[in-house]
Amino acid sequence: MGFIRKHLSAEGLHQCVRNSLNKEKLLECKNTAISWQDCVMSGLAVFGLKFPSLLQFERSKNEATIKTNLRNLYHVNKAPSDTYLRERLDILERDILRRSFKTIFALLQRGKVLEGYQYMGKHYLMPLDGTGQYSSNKVHCKNCCEKHHSNGEITYYHQMLEAAIVHPDRQIVIPLAPEPIVKSDGDNKNDCERNAAKRLLKDFRREHPHLKVIVTEDGLAVNYPHLSLLDELDMEYIVGVKPGDHEFLFDWIKQQMCH
């Protein structure tokens, strides 16, 4: 219990993230008193303290209670403005944040917390799914994916592929490092998620070479290249299929049942 109270409490986990960020060597912008670590931790605080928007964070960050929480819970020395926060976080490579996820995962293993998530022959259930983060017909950046409509309009959007360790009897899930879906991944949902999944799964297996997992996915995953990759990475899987999307498979099953 002492280990959990020290390292797996909210304060301990926030300090763990901060320490992992301090190990990354990034050049600071000139003429600024705000470190990039403070920017990342402020971004985390936006979610942890349930601000509805960055603008609301900007308006509230100097309130006495918020300043105390930022300093004591998130170890933020100086909180950035909403504009500055966007500018600093936009230039960070995704790999910079992977260390934090990996460090926390190692703490969960060391504290025996992960063992409580074992399921079906000491495997770990790992669902994969894509989610949208942002969409606009006007505001966009060079990294935005694009959806071209028949009327000539363009929708700019950001999506990511997320994975987590879950258990059917537990409300708390263990998130893994997400994988951004980028413009070069493809022009349709299938290609985008499939290409992002290649990176996510390979990174996961490299970081956790011996962890026994069962990947769970929806019908988009039911294709030979993706399932072959799971076999290659020594991952079990459960995928959902529907008759309307996989007619050949259901016809084959019916034939086998008739025999």
Protein backbone atom coordinates (compact mmCIF):
# COMPACT_ATOMS: atom_id res chain seq x y z
CA MET A 1 0.00 0.00 0.00
CA GLY A 2 2.89 2.34 0.68
CA PHE A 3 4.09 1.98 -2.91
CA ILE A 4 0.64 2.78 -4.28
CA ARG A 5 0.19 5.82 -2.03
CA LYS A 6 3.60 7.21 -2.97
CA HIS A 7 3.80 6.50 -6.69
CA LEU A 8 0.26 5.79 -7.92
CA SER A 9 -1.61 8.63 -6.25
CA ALA A 10 -2.58 11.61 -8.43
CA GLU A 11 0.34 13.64 -7.07
CA GLY A 12 2.76 10.75 -7.55
CA LEU A 13 1.65 10.14 -11.13
CA HIS A 14 1.91 13.82 -12.01
CA GLN A 15 5.41 13.96 -10.56
CA CYS A 16 6.27 10.83 -12.55
CA VAL A 17 5.17 12.53 -15.76
CA ARG A 18 7.15 15.66 -14.90
CA ASN A 19 10.29 13.64 -14.12
CA SER A 20 10.03 11.73 -17.39
CA LEU A 21 9.71 15.00 -19.31
CA ASN A 22 12.80 16.38 -17.58
CA LYS A 23 14.80 13.53 -19.13
CA GLU A 24 13.99 14.74 -22.63
CA LYS A 25 16.50 17.21 -24.00
CA LEU A 26 14.74 20.01 -25.87
CA LEU A 27 15.95 23.49 -26.60
CA GLU A 28 13.94 26.19 -24.88
CA CYS A 29 12.64 29.15 -26.85
CA LYS A 30 14.60 32.34 -26.28
CA ASN A 31 13.20 35.18 -24.21
CA THR A 32 10.66 33.10 -22.33
CA ALA A 33 10.30 32.23 -18.68
CA ILE A 34 7.95 29.32 -19.38
CA SER A 35 9.52 25.91 -19.87
CA TRP A 36 8.12 23.38 -22.30
CA GLN A 37 7.63 21.04 -19.31
CA ASP A 38 5.31 23.63 -17.77
CA CYS A 39 3.42 23.75 -21.08
CA VAL A 40 2.92 19.97 -21.18
CA MET A 41 1.85 19.79 -17.54
CA SER A 42 -0.53 22.73 -18.06
CA GLY A 43 -2.06 20.84 -20.98
CA LEU A 44 -2.52 17.84 -18.69
CA ALA A 45 -4.11 20.09 -16.07
CA VAL A 46 -6.67 21.35 -18.60
CA PHE A 47 -8.06 17.81 -18.74
CA GLY A 48 -7.45 16.87 -15.11
CA LEU A 49 -9.14 19.97 -13.74
CA LYS A 50 -11.94 19.63 -16.33
CA PHE A 51 -11.70 23.00 -18.04
CA PRO A 52 -14.21 23.15 -20.92
CA SER A 53 -11.74 25.01 -23.16
CA LEU A 54 -8.27 26.51 -23.30
CA LEU A 55 -9.87 29.95 -23.17
CA GLN A 56 -11.47 29.10 -19.83
CA PHE A 57 -8.08 27.86 -18.60
CA GLU A 58 -6.57 31.19 -19.65
CA ARG A 59 -9.22 33.10 -17.71
CA SER A 60 -8.90 30.98 -14.56
CA LYS A 61 -5.19 30.18 -14.29
CA ASN A 62 -4.41 33.15 -12.03
CA GLU A 63 -7.17 32.43 -9.51
CA ALA A 64 -5.74 31.51 -6.12
CA THR A 65 -7.20 27.98 -5.99
CA ILE A 66 -6.22 27.15 -9.58
CA LYS A 67 -2.68 28.49 -9.10
CA THR A 68 -2.31 26.36 -5.97
CA ASN A 69 -3.54 23.23 -7.77
CA LEU A 70 -1.26 23.87 -10.74
CA ARG A 71 1.72 24.27 -8.44
CA ASN A 72 1.02 21.47 -5.94
CA LEU A 73 -0.68 18.84 -8.14
CA TYR A 74 0.91 19.44 -11.54
CA HIS A 75 4.20 21.05 -10.49
CA VAL A 76 3.69 23.98 -12.88
CA ASN A 77 5.96 26.88 -12.06
CA LYS A 78 4.36 29.30 -14.53
CA ALA A 79 1.27 28.58 -16.61
CA PRO A 80 1.27 29.73 -20.26
CA SER A 81 -1.47 31.59 -22.07
CA ASP A 82 -3.82 29.57 -24.26
CA THR A 83 -2.14 30.85 -27.46
CA TYR A 84 1.37 30.16 -26.19
CA LEU A 85 0.30 26.71 -24.98
CA ARG A 86 -0.92 25.80 -28.47
CA GLU A 87 2.24 27.11 -30.12
CA ARG A 88 4.57 25.15 -27.85
CA LEU A 89 2.66 21.88 -27.89
CA ASP A 90 2.12 21.95 -31.66
CA ILE A 91 5.85 21.59 -32.33
CA LEU A 92 6.42 18.65 -29.97
CA GLU A 93 6.99 15.27 -31.60
CA ARG A 94 4.72 12.51 -30.34
CA ASP A 95 7.70 10.39 -29.22
CA ILE A 96 8.52 13.04 -26.60
CA LEU A 97 5.38 12.06 -24.70
CA ARG A 98 5.82 8.28 -25.06
CA ARG A 99 8.29 8.12 -22.18
CA SER A 100 5.60 9.25 -19.73
CA PHE A 101 3.19 6.51 -20.77
CA LYS A 102 5.93 3.88 -20.61
CA THR A 103 7.17 5.07 -17.21
CA ILE A 104 3.68 4.96 -15.67
CA PHE A 105 3.07 1.51 -17.19
CA ALA A 106 6.30 0.28 -15.57
CA LEU A 107 5.13 1.65 -12.21
CA LEU A 108 1.86 -0.25 -12.55
CA GLN A 109 3.78 -3.44 -13.24
CA ARG A 110 6.13 -2.86 -10.33
CA GLY A 111 3.23 -2.12 -7.97
CA LYS A 112 1.44 -5.35 -9.03
CA VAL A 113 -1.52 -3.27 -10.22
CA LEU A 114 -1.30 -4.66 -13.74
CA GLU A 115 -1.81 -8.22 -12.49
CA GLY A 116 -5.40 -7.35 -11.55
CA TYR A 117 -6.15 -6.81 -15.26
CA GLN A 118 -5.21 -10.32 -16.39
CA TYR A 119 -7.99 -12.03 -18.30
CA MET A 120 -8.46 -15.21 -20.34
CA GLY A 121 -5.30 -17.18 -19.60
CA LYS A 122 -3.32 -14.30 -18.07
CA HIS A 123 -3.69 -12.14 -21.17
CA TYR A 124 -4.51 -8.44 -21.16
CA LEU A 125 -7.44 -7.11 -23.17
CA MET A 126 -6.32 -4.23 -25.42
CA PRO A 127 -9.09 -2.55 -27.44
CA LEU A 128 -8.09 -0.33 -30.37
CA ASP A 129 -10.30 2.38 -31.85
CA GLY A 130 -10.06 5.70 -33.61
CA THR A 131 -11.49 8.94 -32.27
CA GLY A 132 -11.86 12.47 -33.56
CA GLN A 133 -10.21 15.41 -31.83
CA TYR A 134 -10.92 18.42 -34.02
CA SER A 135 -12.93 19.44 -37.08
CA SER A 136 -13.36 22.74 -38.91
CA ASN A 137 -14.21 24.08 -42.37
CA LYS A 138 -11.97 27.12 -41.90
CA VAL A 139 -9.23 26.77 -39.27
CA HIS A 140 -6.53 24.27 -40.16
CA CYS A 141 -2.81 23.54 -39.99
CA LYS A 142 -0.29 21.70 -42.17
CA ASN A 143 -0.89 18.47 -40.25
CA CYS A 144 -4.68 18.42 -40.72
CA CYS A 145 -6.32 15.58 -42.59
CA GLU A 146 -8.73 16.74 -45.28
CA LYS A 147 -12.17 15.57 -46.38
CA HIS A 148 -13.21 16.95 -49.77
CA HIS A 149 -16.98 17.23 -50.27
CA SER A 150 -18.92 17.11 -53.54
CA ASN A 151 -19.91 20.77 -53.19
CA GLY A 152 -16.26 21.80 -53.16
CA GLU A 153 -15.98 22.41 -49.43
CA ILE A 154 -13.12 20.96 -47.40
CA THR A 155 -13.36 19.73 -43.82
CA TYR A 156 -10.08 19.82 -41.89
CA TYR A 157 -9.78 17.43 -38.99
CA HIS A 158 -7.49 15.65 -36.54
CA GLN A 159 -7.96 12.06 -35.39
CA MET A 160 -5.95 9.58 -33.37
CA LEU A 161 -5.91 5.86 -32.71
CA GLU A 162 -6.09 4.94 -29.04
CA ALA A 163 -5.37 1.72 -27.15
CA ALA A 164 -5.83 0.81 -23.50
CA ILE A 165 -5.58 -2.12 -21.11
CA VAL A 166 -9.06 -2.92 -19.80
CA HIS A 167 -10.88 -5.51 -17.73
CA PRO A 168 -14.65 -6.18 -17.83
CA ASP A 169 -14.89 -6.02 -14.02
CA ARG A 170 -12.90 -2.80 -13.58
CA GLN A 171 -14.03 0.77 -14.19
CA ILE A 172 -10.49 2.17 -14.47
CA VAL A 173 -8.59 1.59 -17.72
CA ILE A 174 -4.86 1.96 -18.37
CA PRO A 175 -4.32 4.16 -21.45
CA LEU A 176 -1.36 3.55 -23.72
CA ALA A 177 0.42 6.15 -25.85
CA PRO A 178 -1.99 7.24 -28.63
CA GLU A 179 -1.03 7.27 -32.29
CA PRO A 180 -1.94 10.36 -34.36
CA ILE A 181 -3.63 9.70 -37.68
CA VAL A 182 -1.77 11.95 -40.12
CA LYS A 183 -2.51 13.29 -43.59
CA SER A 184 -0.25 10.75 -45.31
CA ASP A 185 -2.12 7.77 -43.82
CA GLY A 186 -4.77 7.75 -46.56
CA ASP A 187 -7.94 9.25 -47.95
CA ASN A 188 -10.48 7.02 -46.23
CA LYS A 189 -11.22 5.79 -42.70
CA ASN A 190 -10.05 2.23 -43.39
CA ASP A 191 -6.61 3.22 -44.68
CA CYS A 192 -6.08 5.89 -42.04
CA GLU A 193 -6.76 3.64 -39.05
CA ARG A 194 -4.95 0.68 -40.62
CA ASN A 195 -1.72 2.61 -41.21
CA ALA A 196 -1.83 4.24 -37.78
CA ALA A 197 -2.41 0.79 -36.24
CA LYS A 198 0.80 -0.48 -37.83
CA ARG A 199 2.83 2.14 -35.99
CA LEU A 200 0.95 1.77 -32.69
CA LEU A 201 1.17 -2.02 -32.56
CA LYS A 202 4.83 -2.17 -33.58
CA ASP A 203 5.77 0.47 -30.99
CA PHE A 204 3.80 -1.39 -28.31
CA ARG A 205 5.46 -4.72 -29.07
CA ARG A 206 8.91 -3.11 -29.11
CA GLU A 207 8.31 -1.56 -25.67
CA HIS A 208 6.55 -4.63 -24.22
CA PRO A 209 8.02 -7.62 -26.07
CA HIS A 210 6.70 -10.31 -23.70
CA LEU A 211 3.30 -8.97 -22.64
CA LYS A 212 0.46 -11.33 -23.58
CA VAL A 213 -2.38 -9.30 -25.06
CA ILE A 214 -5.67 -9.87 -26.83
CA VAL A 215 -6.39 -7.01 -29.22
CA THR A 216 -10.10 -6.27 -29.67
CA GLU A 217 -11.31 -4.29 -32.69
CA ASP A 218 -14.36 -3.60 -34.84
CA GLY A 219 -15.04 -4.71 -38.40
CA LEU A 220 -12.53 -2.30 -39.96
CA ALA A 221 -9.75 -4.58 -38.69
CA VAL A 222 -10.98 -7.64 -40.55
CA ASN A 223 -8.52 -7.68 -43.42
CA TYR A 224 -5.60 -9.93 -44.22
CA PRO A 225 -2.73 -7.38 -43.91
CA HIS A 226 -3.85 -6.24 -40.46
CA LEU A 227 -4.54 -9.70 -39.05
CA SER A 228 -1.23 -10.92 -40.47
CA LEU A 229 0.54 -8.10 -38.63
CA LEU A 230 -1.08 -9.19 -35.36
CA ASP A 231 0.10 -12.75 -35.98
CA GLU A 232 3.59 -11.48 -36.79
CA LEU A 233 3.69 -9.51 -33.52
CA ASP A 234 2.48 -12.55 -31.56
CA MET A 235 -0.77 -10.90 -30.51
CA GLU A 236 -4.08 -12.70 -30.05
CA TYR A 237 -7.17 -10.89 -31.29
CA ILE A 238 -10.96 -10.72 -31.15
CA VAL A 239 -12.59 -8.77 -33.99
CA GLY A 240 -16.23 -8.02 -34.65
CA VAL A 241 -17.83 -8.89 -37.99
CA LYS A 242 -21.28 -8.23 -39.46
CA PRO A 243 -23.03 -10.14 -42.25
CA GLY A 244 -23.52 -7.01 -44.33
CA ASP A 245 -19.82 -6.15 -44.30
CA HIS A 246 -18.37 -9.67 -44.62
CA GLU A 247 -20.70 -11.65 -46.85
CA PHE A 248 -18.03 -14.08 -48.04
CA LEU A 249 -17.09 -15.02 -44.47
CA PHE A 250 -20.70 -15.67 -43.44
CA ASP A 251 -21.39 -17.66 -46.62
CA TRP A 252 -18.36 -19.83 -45.83
CA ILE A 253 -19.58 -20.38 -42.24
CA LYS A 254 -23.01 -21.42 -43.50
CA GLN A 255 -21.40 -23.92 -45.88
CA GLN A 256 -19.33 -25.40 -43.07
CA MET A 257 -22.39 -25.73 -40.86
CA CYS A 258 -24.31 -27.51 -43.62
CA HIS A 259 -21.55 -30.10 -43.93
